[in-house]
Structure formats: structure tokens, C-alpha cells
C-alpha atoms as a PDB file:
ATOM      1  CA  VAL A   1     -12.555  -8.144  56.997  1.00  0.00           C
ATOM      2  CA  VAL A   2      -9.426 -10.256  57.393  1.00  0.00           C
ATOM      3  CA  ILE A   3      -8.954 -12.322  60.545  1.00  0.00           C
ATOM      4  CA  ASP A   4      -5.636 -13.920  61.482  1.00  0.00           C
ATOM      5  CA  HIS A   5      -6.450 -17.053  63.490  1.00  0.00           C
ATOM      6  CA  GLY A   6      -2.805 -17.805  64.241  1.00  0.00           C
ATOM      7  CA  ASN A   7      -1.046 -21.011  63.169  1.00  0.00           C
ATOM      8  CA  ASN A   8      -0.637 -19.495  59.657  1.00  0.00           C
ATOM      9  CA  LEU A   9      -4.416 -19.483  59.123  1.00  0.00           C
ATOM     10  CA  ILE A  10      -6.060 -16.347  57.660  1.00  0.00           C
ATOM     11  CA  ALA A  11      -9.800 -15.903  56.934  1.00  0.00           C
ATOM     12  CA  TYR A  12     -11.207 -13.372  54.445  1.00  0.00           C
ATOM     13  CA  TYR A  13     -14.791 -12.090  54.667  1.00  0.00           C
ATOM     14  CA  SER A  14     -15.897 -10.112  51.587  1.00  0.00           C
ATOM     15  CA  GLY A  15     -19.308  -8.770  50.626  1.00  0.00           C
ATOM     16  CA  LEU A  16     -19.932  -7.090  53.971  1.00  0.00           C
ATOM     17  CA  ALA A  17     -21.495  -3.640  54.356  1.00  0.00           C
ATOM     18  CA  LYS A  18     -18.942  -0.813  54.667  1.00  0.00           C
ATOM     19  CA  GLU A  19     -19.800  -0.344  58.328  1.00  0.00           C
ATOM     20  CA  VAL A  20     -18.315  -3.364  60.110  1.00  0.00           C
ATOM     21  CA  SER A  21     -18.482  -4.208  63.811  1.00  0.00           C
ATOM     22  CA  VAL A  22     -14.750  -4.751  64.333  1.00  0.00           C
ATOM     23  CA  LYS A  23     -11.661  -2.564  64.108  1.00  0.00           C
ATOM     24  CA  LYS A  24      -8.199  -3.304  62.768  1.00  0.00           C
ATOM     25  CA  GLY A  25      -6.131  -5.060  65.424  1.00  0.00           C
ATOM     26  CA  GLN A  26      -9.149  -5.966  67.556  1.00  0.00           C
ATOM     27  CA  ALA A  27      -9.301  -9.505  68.989  1.00  0.00           C
ATOM     28  CA  VAL A  28     -12.387 -11.336  67.738  1.00  0.00           C
ATOM     29  CA  GLU A  29     -13.960 -14.174  69.707  1.00  0.00           C
ATOM     30  CA  SER A  30     -15.929 -17.022  68.163  1.00  0.00           C
ATOM     31  CA  GLY A  31     -19.551 -15.980  67.660  1.00  0.00           C
ATOM     32  CA  LYS A  32     -18.739 -12.251  67.457  1.00  0.00           C
ATOM     33  CA  ILE A  33     -20.712 -10.435  64.758  1.00  0.00           C
ATOM     34  CA  ILE A  34     -18.140  -8.797  62.483  1.00  0.00           C
ATOM     35  CA  GLY A  35     -20.577  -7.215  60.035  1.00  0.00           C
ATOM     36  CA  VAL A  36     -23.641  -7.754  57.877  1.00  0.00           C
ATOM     37  CA  VAL A  37     -23.841  -8.976  54.302  1.00  0.00           C
ATOM     38  CA  ASP A  38     -24.479  -6.327  51.657  1.00  0.00           C
ATOM     39  CA  ILE A  39     -24.695  -6.080  47.896  1.00  0.00           C
ATOM     40  CA  VAL A  40     -21.418  -6.684  46.047  1.00  0.00           C
ATOM     41  CA  PRO A  41     -21.254  -3.854  43.451  1.00  0.00           C
ATOM     42  CA  SER A  42     -19.739  -6.029  40.721  1.00  0.00           C
ATOM     43  CA  GLU A  43     -22.413  -8.669  41.387  1.00  0.00           C
ATOM     44  CA  CYS A  44     -25.432  -6.402  41.859  1.00  0.00           C
ATOM     45  CA  SER A  45     -27.700  -8.782  39.914  1.00  0.00           C
ATOM     46  CA  ASP A  46     -27.075 -11.425  42.621  1.00  0.00           C
ATOM     47  CA  ASP A  47     -28.681 -11.442  46.043  1.00  0.00           C
ATOM     48  CA  PRO A  48     -26.437 -10.189  48.870  1.00  0.00           C
ATOM     49  CA  HIS A  49     -24.006 -12.936  49.879  1.00  0.00           C
ATOM     50  CA  LEU A  50     -20.733 -13.517  51.679  1.00  0.00           C
ATOM     51  CA  HIS A  51     -17.477 -14.418  49.984  1.00  0.00           C
ATOM     52  CA  PHE A  52     -15.503 -16.467  52.530  1.00  0.00           C
ATOM     53  CA  ALA A  53     -12.002 -17.681  51.798  1.00  0.00           C
ATOM     54  CA  MET A  54      -9.052 -18.965  53.787  1.00  0.00           C
ATOM     55  CA  LYS A  55      -5.309 -19.241  53.408  1.00  0.00           C
ATOM     56  CA  LYS A  56      -3.198 -21.802  55.247  1.00  0.00           C
ATOM     57  CA  ASN A  57       0.559 -21.262  55.183  1.00  0.00           C
ATOM     58  CA  GLY A  58       0.083 -18.520  52.576  1.00  0.00           C
ATOM     59  CA  LYS A  59      -1.834 -20.725  50.120  1.00  0.00           C
ATOM     60  CA  TRP A  60      -5.569 -20.725  49.361  1.00  0.00           C
ATOM     61  CA  ALA A  61      -7.248 -23.619  51.154  1.00  0.00           C
ATOM     62  CA  SER A  62     -10.723 -25.106  51.392  1.00  0.00           C
ATOM     63  CA  PRO A  63     -12.573 -23.586  54.372  1.00  0.00           C
ATOM     64  CA  LEU A  64     -14.692 -26.740  54.603  1.00  0.00           C
ATOM     65  CA  GLU A  65     -11.596 -28.923  54.924  1.00  0.00           C
ATOM     66  CA  ILE A  66      -9.999 -26.599  57.468  1.00  0.00           C
ATOM     67  CA  MET A  67     -13.170 -26.585  59.586  1.00  0.00           C
ATOM     68  CA  GLY A  68     -13.338 -30.391  59.401  1.00  0.00           C
ATOM     69  CA  MET A  69     -16.551 -30.437  57.372  1.00  0.00           C
ATOM     70  CA  LEU A  70     -14.973 -32.404  54.497  1.00  0.00           C
ATOM     71  CA  LYS A  71     -12.778 -35.431  54.721  1.00  0.00           C
END
């Protein structure tokens, strides 16, 4: 799932089950469940987990910095 937050900020959610709770073009509010974590086929020896990444102005950026959790 890819969510465009505006202001040149894009979030990527990978490792979700194929059936997600949102549709392309749908507005997503904070707190909305977009899907559930599933097994990543190329990482099947690992427990299910989410890959979360962000781009700011087209460049990969630290989600923790963007969310103000790191200084």
C-alpha cells in the first residue's frame, strides 16, 4: 500500500496480506486500518512483519525523523 500524505511525503507499507482494507485513490484517515501483516514470501523464515518506508521530496527518508521521534 502506498499513501501520498501530500507535501511531497509518500509512505510505503509492504508485507501486508493480499486483501487490504483500502482501494486505490481512497482517502485514508489517521487510525484507519489499511491491512494486516502477513508472511513475506522471500522472508518466510522470519515472523510476519511490516516493511515501512517513506520518501520526502522523492528521496528515501527516515520515518522516525519525519514523525518527530528522532532529533
